Amino acid sequence: RSKSGILRGREFVMKDLYSFSRTQEEHDEFYEKAKNAYRN
């Protein structure tokens, strides 16, 4: 079903970013920066 206008489409543009890290600590540090970027 698609009744929410451009909130939920069958065709849409998404920004998708993927991070690649060596350690969990390195990943967690980037993850927190991504949170702040999204808030901005």
PDB file of all heavy atoms in Angstrom:
ATOM      1  N   ARG A   1       0.856  -1.192   0.000  1.00  0.00           N
ATOM      2  CA  ARG A   1       0.000   0.000   0.000  1.00  0.00           C
ATOM      3  C   ARG A   1       0.885   1.233   0.000  1.00  0.00           C
ATOM      4  O   ARG A   1       1.935   1.246   0.623  1.00  0.00           O
ATOM      5  CB  ARG A   1      -0.913   0.023   1.237  1.00  0.00           C
ATOM      6  CG  ARG A   1      -1.939  -1.102   1.259  1.00  0.00           C
ATOM      7  CD  ARG A   1      -2.844  -0.995   2.478  1.00  0.00           C
ATOM      8  NE  ARG A   1      -3.807  -2.076   2.522  1.00  0.00           N
ATOM      9  CZ  ARG A   1      -3.562  -3.270   3.026  1.00  0.00           C
ATOM     10  NH1 ARG A   1      -2.373  -3.534   3.526  1.00  0.00           N
ATOM     11  NH2 ARG A   1      -4.489  -4.211   3.042  1.00  0.00           N
ATOM     12  N   SER A   2       0.422   2.249  -0.675  1.00  0.00           N
ATOM     13  CA  SER A   2       1.195   3.486  -0.745  1.00  0.00           C
ATOM     14  C   SER A   2       0.237   4.660  -0.705  1.00  0.00           C
ATOM     15  O   SER A   2      -0.193   5.162  -1.735  1.00  0.00           O
ATOM     16  CB  SER A   2       2.045   3.497  -2.013  1.00  0.00           C
ATOM     17  OG  SER A   2       3.020   4.488  -1.944  1.00  0.00           O
ATOM     18  N   LYS A   3      -0.115   5.070   0.507  1.00  0.00           N
ATOM     19  CA  LYS A   3      -1.117   6.121   0.684  1.00  0.00           C
ATOM     20  C   LYS A   3      -0.582   7.322   1.449  1.00  0.00           C
ATOM     21  O   LYS A   3      -1.344   8.155   1.895  1.00  0.00           O
ATOM     22  CB  LYS A   3      -2.338   5.557   1.427  1.00  0.00           C
ATOM     23  CG  LYS A   3      -3.069   4.467   0.668  1.00  0.00           C
ATOM     24  CD  LYS A   3      -4.291   4.001   1.451  1.00  0.00           C
ATOM     25  CE  LYS A   3      -5.065   2.945   0.688  1.00  0.00           C
ATOM     26  NZ  LYS A   3      -6.245   2.461   1.435  1.00  0.00           N
ATOM     27  N   SER A   4       0.737   7.404   1.590  1.00  0.00           N
ATOM     28  CA  SER A   4       1.321   8.456   2.415  1.00  0.00           C
ATOM     29  C   SER A   4       2.020   9.528   1.597  1.00  0.00           C
ATOM     30  O   SER A   4       2.900  10.225   2.092  1.00  0.00           O
ATOM     31  CB  SER A   4       2.318   7.839   3.408  1.00  0.00           C
ATOM     32  OG  SER A   4       1.691   6.877   4.226  1.00  0.00           O
ATOM     33  N   GLY A   5       1.649   9.663   0.324  1.00  0.00           N
ATOM     34  CA  GLY A   5       2.280  10.678  -0.511  1.00  0.00           C
ATOM     35  C   GLY A   5       3.749  10.361  -0.711  1.00  0.00           C
ATOM     36  O   GLY A   5       4.133   9.210  -0.937  1.00  0.00           O
ATOM     37  N   ILE A   6       4.599  11.392  -0.607  1.00  0.00           N
ATOM     38  CA  ILE A   6       6.033  11.162  -0.813  1.00  0.00           C
ATOM     39  C   ILE A   6       6.723  10.678   0.462  1.00  0.00           C
ATOM     40  O   ILE A   6       7.941  10.542   0.491  1.00  0.00           O
ATOM     41  CB  ILE A   6       6.740  12.410  -1.385  1.00  0.00           C
ATOM     42  CG1 ILE A   6       6.590  13.626  -0.458  1.00  0.00           C
ATOM     43  CG2 ILE A   6       6.222  12.722  -2.779  1.00  0.00           C
ATOM     44  CD1 ILE A   6       7.420  14.819  -0.918  1.00  0.00           C
ATOM     45  N   LEU A   7       5.951  10.386   1.508  1.00  0.00           N
ATOM     46  CA  LEU A   7       6.541   9.802   2.714  1.00  0.00           C
ATOM     47  C   LEU A   7       6.917   8.342   2.503  1.00  0.00           C
ATOM     48  O   LEU A   7       7.858   7.842   3.115  1.00  0.00           O
ATOM     49  CB  LEU A   7       5.574   9.893   3.900  1.00  0.00           C
ATOM     50  CG  LEU A   7       5.184  11.296   4.367  1.00  0.00           C
ATOM     51  CD1 LEU A   7       4.226  11.205   5.542  1.00  0.00           C
ATOM     52  CD2 LEU A   7       6.415  12.113   4.736  1.00  0.00           C
ATOM     53  N   ARG A   8       6.170   7.633   1.690  1.00  0.00           N
ATOM     54  CA  ARG A   8       6.461   6.213   1.443  1.00  0.00           C
ATOM     55  C   ARG A   8       6.136   5.905  -0.013  1.00  0.00           C
ATOM     56  O   ARG A   8       4.985   5.744  -0.386  1.00  0.00           O
ATOM     57  CB  ARG A   8       5.647   5.316   2.377  1.00  0.00           C
ATOM     58  CG  ARG A   8       5.920   3.821   2.178  1.00  0.00           C
ATOM     59  CD  ARG A   8       5.134   2.978   3.149  1.00  0.00           C
ATOM     60  NE  ARG A   8       5.578   3.185   4.503  1.00  0.00           N
ATOM     61  CZ  ARG A   8       6.661   2.616   5.035  1.00  0.00           C
ATOM     62  NH1 ARG A   8       7.427   1.827   4.317  1.00  0.00           N
ATOM     63  NH2 ARG A   8       6.988   2.846   6.288  1.00  0.00           N
ATOM     64  N   GLY A   9       7.178   5.832  -0.838  1.00  0.00           N
ATOM     65  CA  GLY A   9       6.961   5.648  -2.258  1.00  0.00           C
ATOM     66  C   GLY A   9       7.445   4.304  -2.761  1.00  0.00           C
ATOM     67  O   GLY A   9       8.198   3.598  -2.085  1.00  0.00           O
ATOM     68  N   ARG A  10       7.021   3.972  -3.939  1.00  0.00           N
ATOM     69  CA  ARG A  10       7.513   2.758  -4.602  1.00  0.00           C
ATOM     70  C   ARG A  10       8.784   3.052  -5.401  1.00  0.00           C
ATOM     71  O   ARG A  10       9.536   2.140  -5.715  1.00  0.00           O
ATOM     72  CB  ARG A  10       6.418   2.192  -5.515  1.00  0.00           C
ATOM     73  CG  ARG A  10       5.211   1.689  -4.738  1.00  0.00           C
ATOM     74  CD  ARG A  10       4.208   0.968  -5.634  1.00  0.00           C
ATOM     75  NE  ARG A  10       3.230   0.273  -4.817  1.00  0.00           N
ATOM     76  CZ  ARG A  10       1.940   0.618  -4.738  1.00  0.00           C
ATOM     77  NH1 ARG A  10       1.492   1.656  -5.426  1.00  0.00           N
ATOM     78  NH2 ARG A  10       1.112  -0.070  -3.973  1.00  0.00           N
ATOM     79  N   GLU A  11       8.981   4.309  -5.721  1.00  0.00           N
ATOM     80  CA  GLU A  11      10.209   4.772  -6.371  1.00  0.00           C
ATOM     81  C   GLU A  11      10.607   6.068  -5.679  1.00  0.00           C
ATOM     82  O   GLU A  11       9.811   6.999  -5.593  1.00  0.00           O
ATOM     83  CB  GLU A  11       9.970   5.014  -7.866  1.00  0.00           C
ATOM     84  CG  GLU A  11      11.158   5.594  -8.594  1.00  0.00           C
ATOM     85  CD  GLU A  11      10.872   5.926 -10.052  1.00  0.00           C
ATOM     86  OE1 GLU A  11       9.868   5.405 -10.596  1.00  0.00           O
ATOM     87  OE2 GLU A  11      11.640   6.705 -10.632  1.00  0.00           O
ATOM     88  N   PHE A  12      11.836   6.141  -5.172  1.00  0.00           N
ATOM     89  CA  PHE A  12      12.250   7.306  -4.400  1.00  0.00           C
ATOM     90  C   PHE A  12      13.773   7.391  -4.369  1.00  0.00           C
ATOM     91  O   PHE A  12      14.467   6.402  -4.613  1.00  0.00           O
ATOM     92  CB  PHE A  12      11.706   7.237  -2.969  1.00  0.00           C
ATOM     93  CG  PHE A  12      12.181   6.040  -2.192  1.00  0.00           C
ATOM     94  CD1 PHE A  12      13.289   6.122  -1.364  1.00  0.00           C
ATOM     95  CD2 PHE A  12      11.522   4.824  -2.303  1.00  0.00           C
ATOM     96  CE1 PHE A  12      13.739   5.013  -0.665  1.00  0.00           C
ATOM     97  CE2 PHE A  12      11.957   3.706  -1.600  1.00  0.00           C
ATOM     98  CZ  PHE A  12      13.070   3.807  -0.777  1.00  0.00           C
ATOM     99  N   VAL A  13      14.267   8.579  -4.060  1.00  0.00           N
ATOM    100  CA  VAL A  13      15.712   8.773  -3.946  1.00  0.00           C
ATOM    101  C   VAL A  13      16.110   8.696  -2.477  1.00  0.00           C
ATOM    102  O   VAL A  13      15.483   9.331  -1.622  1.00  0.00           O
ATOM    103  CB  VAL A  13      16.146  10.126  -4.541  1.00  0.00           C
ATOM    104  CG1 VAL A  13      17.629  10.405  -4.247  1.00  0.00           C
ATOM    105  CG2 VAL A  13      15.899  10.143  -6.046  1.00  0.00           C
ATOM    106  N   MET A  14      17.144   7.912  -2.212  1.00  0.00           N
ATOM    107  CA  MET A  14      17.663   7.790  -0.854  1.00  0.00           C
ATOM    108  C   MET A  14      19.138   8.156  -0.834  1.00  0.00           C
ATOM    109  O   MET A  14      19.868   7.840  -1.772  1.00  0.00           O
ATOM    110  CB  MET A  14      17.481   6.366  -0.326  1.00  0.00           C
ATOM    111  CG  MET A  14      17.949   6.199   1.115  1.00  0.00           C
ATOM    112  SD  MET A  14      17.350   4.673   1.885  1.00  0.00           S
ATOM    113  CE  MET A  14      18.431   3.468   1.117  1.00  0.00           C
ATOM    114  N   LYS A  15      19.534   8.861   0.211  1.00  0.00           N
ATOM    115  CA  LYS A  15      20.950   8.997   0.496  1.00  0.00           C
ATOM    116  C   LYS A  15      21.320   7.818   1.368  1.00  0.00           C
ATOM    117  O   LYS A  15      20.795   7.664   2.465  1.00  0.00           O
ATOM    118  CB  LYS A  15      21.249  10.306   1.227  1.00  0.00           C
ATOM    119  CG  LYS A  15      22.737  10.585   1.484  1.00  0.00           C
ATOM    120  CD  LYS A  15      23.359   9.779   2.602  1.00  0.00           C
ATOM    121  CE  LYS A  15      22.655   9.988   3.924  1.00  0.00           C
ATOM    122  NZ  LYS A  15      23.197   9.104   4.995  1.00  0.00           N
ATOM    123  N   ASP A  16      22.192   6.946   0.873  1.00  0.00           N
ATOM    124  CA  ASP A  16      22.664   5.852   1.704  1.00  0.00           C
ATOM    125  C   ASP A  16      24.184   5.921   1.801  1.00  0.00           C
ATOM    126  O   ASP A  16      24.881   5.997   0.796  1.00  0.00           O
ATOM    127  CB  ASP A  16      22.186   4.476   1.219  1.00  0.00           C
ATOM    128  CG  ASP A  16      22.234   4.298  -0.290  1.00  0.00           C
ATOM    129  OD1 ASP A  16      22.156   5.295  -1.018  1.00  0.00           O
ATOM    130  OD2 ASP A  16      22.343   3.142  -0.734  1.00  0.00           O
ATOM    131  N   LEU A  17      24.647   5.966   3.035  1.00  0.00           N
ATOM    132  CA  LEU A  17      26.077   5.990   3.327  1.00  0.00           C
ATOM    133  C   LEU A  17      26.442   4.699   4.041  1.00  0.00           C
ATOM    134  O   LEU A  17      25.662   4.188   4.856  1.00  0.00           O
ATOM    135  CB  LEU A  17      26.426   7.198   4.197  1.00  0.00           C
ATOM    136  CG  LEU A  17      27.891   7.323   4.628  1.00  0.00           C
ATOM    137  CD1 LEU A  17      28.362   8.779   4.562  1.00  0.00           C
ATOM    138  CD2 LEU A  17      28.119   6.797   6.045  1.00  0.00           C
ATOM    139  N   TYR A  18      27.627   4.175   3.738  1.00  0.00           N
ATOM    140  CA  TYR A  18      28.114   2.938   4.346  1.00  0.00           C
ATOM    141  C   TYR A  18      29.509   3.191   4.888  1.00  0.00           C
ATOM    142  O   TYR A  18      30.366   3.764   4.205  1.00  0.00           O
ATOM    143  CB  TYR A  18      28.123   1.805   3.313  1.00  0.00           C
ATOM    144  CG  TYR A  18      26.778   1.617   2.658  1.00  0.00           C
ATOM    145  CD1 TYR A  18      26.460   2.275   1.466  1.00  0.00           C
ATOM    146  CD2 TYR A  18      25.792   0.834   3.252  1.00  0.00           C
ATOM    147  CE1 TYR A  18      25.210   2.130   0.879  1.00  0.00           C
ATOM    148  CE2 TYR A  18      24.541   0.682   2.671  1.00  0.00           C
ATOM    149  CZ  TYR A  18      24.261   1.338   1.486  1.00  0.00           C
ATOM    150  OH  TYR A  18      23.011   1.203   0.912  1.00  0.00           O
ATOM    151  N   SER A  19      29.733   2.781   6.135  1.00  0.00           N
ATOM    152  CA  SER A  19      31.051   2.953   6.745  1.00  0.00           C
ATOM    153  C   SER A  19      31.751   1.605   6.839  1.00  0.00           C
ATOM    154  O   SER A  19      31.113   0.557   7.031  1.00  0.00           O
ATOM    155  CB  SER A  19      30.927   3.588   8.137  1.00  0.00           C
ATOM    156  OG  SER A  19      30.215   2.748   9.027  1.00  0.00           O
ATOM    157  N   PHE A  20      33.073   1.655   6.730  1.00  0.00           N
ATOM    158  CA  PHE A  20      33.912   0.450   6.743  1.00  0.00           C
ATOM    159  C   PHE A  20      35.066   0.705   7.709  1.00  0.00           C
ATOM    160  O   PHE A  20      35.891   1.590   7.467  1.00  0.00           O
ATOM    161  CB  PHE A  20      34.424   0.141   5.328  1.00  0.00           C
ATOM    162  CG  PHE A  20      33.307  -0.033   4.330  1.00  0.00           C
ATOM    163  CD1 PHE A  20      32.760   1.066   3.681  1.00  0.00           C
ATOM    164  CD2 PHE A  20      32.791  -1.298   4.063  1.00  0.00           C
ATOM    165  CE1 PHE A  20      31.721   0.916   2.776  1.00  0.00           C
ATOM    166  CE2 PHE A  20      31.747  -1.459   3.155  1.00  0.00           C
ATOM    167  CZ  PHE A  20      31.214  -0.351   2.513  1.00  0.00           C
ATOM    168  N   SER A  21      35.105  -0.058   8.791  1.00  0.00           N
ATOM    169  CA  SER A  21      36.059   0.194   9.871  1.00  0.00           C
ATOM    170  C   SER A  21      36.869  -1.048  10.211  1.00  0.00           C
ATOM    171  O   SER A  21      36.461  -2.174   9.925  1.00  0.00           O
ATOM    172  CB  SER A  21      35.313   0.676  11.133  1.00  0.00           C
ATOM    173  OG  SER A  21      34.517   1.813  10.852  1.00  0.00           O
ATOM    174  N   ARG A  22      38.018  -0.805  10.870  1.00  0.00           N
ATOM    175  CA  ARG A  22      38.906  -1.909  11.243  1.00  0.00           C
ATOM    176  C   ARG A  22      38.542  -2.510  12.590  1.00  0.00           C
ATOM    177  O   ARG A  22      38.694  -3.711  12.808  1.00  0.00           O
ATOM    178  CB  ARG A  22      40.357  -1.405  11.284  1.00  0.00           C
ATOM    179  CG  ARG A  22      40.895  -0.984   9.932  1.00  0.00           C
ATOM    180  CD  ARG A  22      42.193  -0.216  10.034  1.00  0.00           C
ATOM    181  NE  ARG A  22      41.984   1.116  10.608  1.00  0.00           N
ATOM    182  CZ  ARG A  22      42.847   2.121  10.506  1.00  0.00           C
ATOM    183  NH1 ARG A  22      43.992   1.951   9.846  1.00  0.00           N
ATOM    184  NH2 ARG A  22      42.586   3.293  11.033  1.00  0.00           N
ATOM    185  N   THR A  23      38.072  -1.662  13.506  1.00  0.00           N
ATOM    186  CA  THR A  23      37.768  -2.121  14.859  1.00  0.00           C
ATOM    187  C   THR A  23      36.397  -1.627  15.283  1.00  0.00           C
ATOM    188  O   THR A  23      35.847  -0.680  14.686  1.00  0.00           O
ATOM    189  CB  THR A  23      38.804  -1.586  15.867  1.00  0.00           C
ATOM    190  OG1 THR A  23      38.685  -0.136  15.920  1.00  0.00           O
ATOM    191  CG2 THR A  23      40.227  -1.969  15.472  1.00  0.00           C
ATOM    192  N   GLN A  24      35.857  -2.244  16.328  1.00  0.00           N
ATOM    193  CA  GLN A  24      34.567  -1.802  16.852  1.00  0.00           C
ATOM    194  C   GLN A  24      34.667  -0.378  17.382  1.00  0.00           C
ATOM    195  O   GLN A  24      33.749   0.433  17.206  1.00  0.00           O
ATOM    196  CB  GLN A  24      34.085  -2.747  17.949  1.00  0.00           C
ATOM    197  CG  GLN A  24      32.662  -2.479  18.420  1.00  0.00           C
ATOM    198  CD  GLN A  24      31.622  -2.664  17.321  1.00  0.00           C
ATOM    199  OE1 GLN A  24      31.703  -3.628  16.558  1.00  0.00           O
ATOM    200  NE2 GLN A  24      30.661  -1.747  17.220  1.00  0.00           N
ATOM    201  N   GLU A  25      35.779  -0.067  18.008  1.00  0.00           N
ATOM    202  CA  GLU A  25      35.978   1.281  18.540  1.00  0.00           C
ATOM    203  C   GLU A  25      35.969   2.325  17.415  1.00  0.00           C
ATOM    204  O   GLU A  25      35.355   3.384  17.537  1.00  0.00           O
ATOM    205  CB  GLU A  25      37.302   1.341  19.299  1.00  0.00           C
ATOM    206  CG  GLU A  25      37.579   2.698  19.928  1.00  0.00           C
ATOM    207  CD  GLU A  25      38.923   2.738  20.645  1.00  0.00           C
ATOM    208  OE1 GLU A  25      39.778   1.881  20.371  1.00  0.00           O
ATOM    209  OE2 GLU A  25      39.106   3.646  21.486  1.00  0.00           O
ATOM    210  N   GLU A  26      36.644   1.990  16.327  1.00  0.00           N
ATOM    211  CA  GLU A  26      36.679   2.891  15.182  1.00  0.00           C
ATOM    212  C   GLU A  26      35.285   3.073  14.581  1.00  0.00           C
ATOM    213  O   GLU A  26      34.877   4.189  14.232  1.00  0.00           O
ATOM    214  CB  GLU A  26      37.625   2.310  14.128  1.00  0.00           C
ATOM    215  CG  GLU A  26      37.988   3.259  12.999  1.00  0.00           C
ATOM    216  CD  GLU A  26      39.088   2.659  12.131  1.00  0.00           C
ATOM    217  OE1 GLU A  26      38.782   1.734  11.336  1.00  0.00           O
ATOM    218  OE2 GLU A  26      40.249   3.090  12.258  1.00  0.00           O
ATOM    219  N   HIS A  27      34.536   1.978  14.497  1.00  0.00           N
ATOM    220  CA  HIS A  27      33.157   2.057  14.009  1.00  0.00           C
ATOM    221  C   HIS A  27      32.303   2.920  14.928  1.00  0.00           C
ATOM    222  O   HIS A  27      31.548   3.779  14.457  1.00  0.00           O
ATOM    223  CB  HIS A  27      32.532   0.667  13.900  1.00  0.00           C
ATOM    224  CG  HIS A  27      31.046   0.697  13.726  1.00  0.00           C
ATOM    225  ND1 HIS A  27      30.429   0.995  12.537  1.00  0.00           N
ATOM    226  CD2 HIS A  27      30.039   0.525  14.639  1.00  0.00           C
ATOM    227  CE1 HIS A  27      29.112   0.991  12.700  1.00  0.00           C
ATOM    228  NE2 HIS A  27      28.851   0.711  13.962  1.00  0.00           N
ATOM    229  N   ASP A  28      32.394   2.669  16.243  1.00  0.00           N
ATOM    230  CA  ASP A  28      31.564   3.403  17.201  1.00  0.00           C
ATOM    231  C   ASP A  28      31.832   4.901  17.140  1.00  0.00           C
ATOM    232  O   ASP A  28      30.903   5.713  17.274  1.00  0.00           O
ATOM    233  CB  ASP A  28      31.820   2.897  18.624  1.00  0.00           C
ATOM    234  CG  ASP A  28      31.309   1.482  18.837  1.00  0.00           C
ATOM    235  OD1 ASP A  28      30.510   1.004  17.998  1.00  0.00           O
ATOM    236  OD2 ASP A  28      31.713   0.845  19.831  1.00  0.00           O
ATOM    237  N   GLU A  29      33.084   5.268  16.931  1.00  0.00           N
ATOM    238  CA  GLU A  29      33.437   6.689  16.835  1.00  0.00           C
ATOM    239  C   GLU A  29      32.771   7.326  15.616  1.00  0.00           C
ATOM    240  O   GLU A  29      32.207   8.424  15.700  1.00  0.00           O
ATOM    241  CB  GLU A  29      34.960   6.832  16.739  1.00  0.00           C
ATOM    242  CG  GLU A  29      35.435   8.274  16.722  1.00  0.00           C
ATOM    243  CD  GLU A  29      36.953   8.386  16.638  1.00  0.00           C
ATOM    244  OE1 GLU A  29      37.641   7.381  16.903  1.00  0.00           O
ATOM    245  OE2 GLU A  29      37.441   9.485  16.290  1.00  0.00           O
ATOM    246  N   PHE A  30      32.800   6.635  14.483  1.00  0.00           N
ATOM    247  CA  PHE A  30      32.141   7.157  13.278  1.00  0.00           C
ATOM    248  C   PHE A  30      30.627   7.207  13.469  1.00  0.00           C
ATOM    249  O   PHE A  30      29.967   8.167  13.050  1.00  0.00           O
ATOM    250  CB  PHE A  30      32.490   6.294  12.057  1.00  0.00           C
ATOM    251  CG  PHE A  30      31.910   6.837  10.777  1.00  0.00           C
ATOM    252  CD1 PHE A  30      32.605   7.776  10.036  1.00  0.00           C
ATOM    253  CD2 PHE A  30      30.653   6.439  10.326  1.00  0.00           C
ATOM    254  CE1 PHE A  30      32.069   8.301   8.861  1.00  0.00           C
ATOM    255  CE2 PHE A  30      30.114   6.960   9.162  1.00  0.00           C
ATOM    256  CZ  PHE A  30      30.827   7.895   8.424  1.00  0.00           C
ATOM    257  N   TYR A  31      30.078   6.192  14.095  1.00  0.00           N
ATOM    258  CA  TYR A  31      28.625   6.095  14.320  1.00  0.00           C
ATOM    259  C   TYR A  31      28.130   7.324  15.096  1.00  0.00           C
ATOM    260  O   TYR A  31      27.082   7.901  14.775  1.00  0.00           O
ATOM    261  CB  TYR A  31      28.343   4.816  15.098  1.00  0.00           C
ATOM    262  CG  TYR A  31      26.901   4.368  15.150  1.00  0.00           C
ATOM    263  CD1 TYR A  31      26.353   3.580  14.150  1.00  0.00           C
ATOM    264  CD2 TYR A  31      26.087   4.687  16.242  1.00  0.00           C
ATOM    265  CE1 TYR A  31      25.038   3.133  14.215  1.00  0.00           C
ATOM    266  CE2 TYR A  31      24.779   4.245  16.317  1.00  0.00           C
ATOM    267  CZ  TYR A  31      24.252   3.471  15.302  1.00  0.00           C
ATOM    268  OH  TYR A  31      22.954   3.028  15.369  1.00  0.00           O
ATOM    269  N   GLU A  32      28.890   7.732  16.115  1.00  0.00           N
ATOM    270  CA  GLU A  32      28.501   8.904  16.901  1.00  0.00           C
ATOM    271  C   GLU A  32      28.591  10.171  16.061  1.00  0.00           C
ATOM    272  O   GLU A  32      27.738  11.063  16.173  1.00  0.00           O
ATOM    273  CB  GLU A  32      29.386   9.026  18.146  1.00  0.00           C
ATOM    274  CG  GLU A  32      29.137   7.945  19.184  1.00  0.00           C
ATOM    275  CD  GLU A  32      27.684   7.876  19.628  1.00  0.00           C
ATOM    276  OE1 GLU A  32      27.112   8.949  19.958  1.00  0.00           O
ATOM    277  OE2 GLU A  32      27.110   6.771  19.640  1.00  0.00           O
ATOM    278  N   LYS A  33      29.598  10.269  15.217  1.00  0.00           N
ATOM    279  CA  LYS A  33      29.706  11.430  14.329  1.00  0.00           C
ATOM    280  C   LYS A  33      28.531  11.479  13.348  1.00  0.00           C
ATOM    281  O   LYS A  33      28.024  12.555  13.019  1.00  0.00           O
ATOM    282  CB  LYS A  33      31.024  11.386  13.561  1.00  0.00           C
ATOM    283  CG  LYS A  33      32.253  11.656  14.418  1.00  0.00           C
ATOM    284  CD  LYS A  33      33.528  11.561  13.594  1.00  0.00           C
ATOM    285  CE  LYS A  33      34.759  11.827  14.442  1.00  0.00           C
ATOM    286  NZ  LYS A  33      36.016  11.666  13.665  1.00  0.00           N
ATOM    287  N   ALA A  34      28.110  10.300  12.881  1.00  0.00           N
ATOM    288  CA  ALA A  34      26.965  10.241  11.966  1.00  0.00           C
ATOM    289  C   ALA A  34      25.689  10.718  12.653  1.00  0.00           C
ATOM    290  O   ALA A  34      24.859  11.414  12.034  1.00  0.00           O
ATOM    291  CB  ALA A  34      26.789   8.823  11.435  1.00  0.00           C
ATOM    292  N   LYS A  35      25.512  10.359  13.921  1.00  0.00           N
ATOM    293  CA  LYS A  35      24.355  10.855  14.678  1.00  0.00           C
ATOM    294  C   LYS A  35      24.317  12.382  14.652  1.00  0.00           C
ATOM    295  O   LYS A  35      23.277  12.999  14.415  1.00  0.00           O
ATOM    296  CB  LYS A  35      24.424  10.382  16.132  1.00  0.00           C
ATOM    297  CG  LYS A  35      24.052   8.943  16.384  1.00  0.00           C
ATOM    298  CD  LYS A  35      24.140   8.677  17.889  1.00  0.00           C
ATOM    299  CE  LYS A  35      23.920   7.208  18.228  1.00  0.00           C
ATOM    300  NZ  LYS A  35      24.077   6.950  19.672  1.00  0.00           N
ATOM    301  N   ASN A  36      25.473  13.003  14.931  1.00  0.00           N
ATOM    302  CA  ASN A  36      25.534  14.468  14.972  1.00  0.00           C
ATOM    303  C   ASN A  36      25.278  15.070  13.596  1.00  0.00           C
ATOM    304  O   ASN A  36      24.615  16.107  13.475  1.00  0.00           O
ATOM    305  CB  ASN A  36      26.897  14.922  15.500  1.00  0.00           C
ATOM    306  CG  ASN A  36      27.083  14.590  16.964  1.00  0.00           C
ATOM    307  OD1 ASN A  36      26.121  14.534  17.722  1.00  0.00           O
ATOM    308  ND2 ASN A  36      28.315  14.363  17.383  1.00  0.00           N
ATOM    309  N   ALA A  37      25.801  14.420  12.547  1.00  0.00           N
ATOM    310  CA  ALA A  37      25.563  14.908  11.184  1.00  0.00           C
ATOM    311  C   ALA A  37      24.076  14.887  10.857  1.00  0.00           C
ATOM    312  O   ALA A  37      23.541  15.824  10.251  1.00  0.00           O
ATOM    313  CB  ALA A  37      26.344  14.067  10.190  1.00  0.00           C
ATOM    314  N   TYR A  38      23.393  13.824  11.277  1.00  0.00           N
ATOM    315  CA  TYR A  38      21.961  13.732  11.033  1.00  0.00           C
ATOM    316  C   TYR A  38      21.204  14.823  11.791  1.00  0.00           C
ATOM    317  O   TYR A  38      20.277  15.444  11.258  1.00  0.00           O
ATOM    318  CB  TYR A  38      21.447  12.341  11.426  1.00  0.00           C
ATOM    319  CG  TYR A  38      21.515  11.324  10.307  1.00  0.00           C
ATOM    320  CD1 TYR A  38      22.629  11.244   9.470  1.00  0.00           C
ATOM    321  CD2 TYR A  38      20.468  10.444  10.070  1.00  0.00           C
ATOM    322  CE1 TYR A  38      22.690  10.318   8.441  1.00  0.00           C
ATOM    323  CE2 TYR A  38      20.524   9.508   9.040  1.00  0.00           C
ATOM    324  CZ  TYR A  38      21.638   9.463   8.234  1.00  0.00           C
ATOM    325  OH  TYR A  38      21.683   8.551   7.209  1.00  0.00           O
ATOM    326  N   ARG A  39      21.598  15.060  13.024  1.00  0.00           N
ATOM    327  CA  ARG A  39      20.944  16.136  13.787  1.00  0.00           C
ATOM    328  C   ARG A  39      21.120  17.473  13.063  1.00  0.00           C
ATOM    329  O   ARG A  39      20.194  18.289  12.999  1.00  0.00           O
ATOM    330  CB  ARG A  39      21.525  16.212  15.197  1.00  0.00           C
ATOM    331  CG  ARG A  39      21.089  15.085  16.119  1.00  0.00           C
ATOM    332  CD  ARG A  39      21.212  15.522  17.568  1.00  0.00           C
ATOM    333  NE  ARG A  39      20.929  14.466  18.518  1.00  0.00           N
ATOM    334  CZ  ARG A  39      19.707  14.103  18.905  1.00  0.00           C
ATOM    335  NH1 ARG A  39      18.653  14.684  18.356  1.00  0.00           N
ATOM    336  NH2 ARG A  39      19.536  13.152  19.801  1.00  0.00           N
ATOM    337  N   ASN A  40      22.323  17.718  12.542  1.00  0.00           N
ATOM    338  CA  ASN A  40      22.568  18.964  11.804  1.00  0.00           C
ATOM    339  C   ASN A  40      21.634  19.076  10.606  1.00  0.00           C
ATOM    340  O   ASN A  40      21.088  20.150  10.324  1.00  0.00           O
ATOM    341  CB  ASN A  40      24.017  19.011  11.318  1.00  0.00           C
ATOM    342  CG  ASN A  40      25.016  19.164  12.449  1.00  0.00           C
ATOM    343  OD1 ASN A  40      24.671  19.563  13.552  1.00  0.00           O
ATOM    344  ND2 ASN A  40      26.271  18.841  12.174  1.00  0.00           N
TER     345      ASN A  40
END
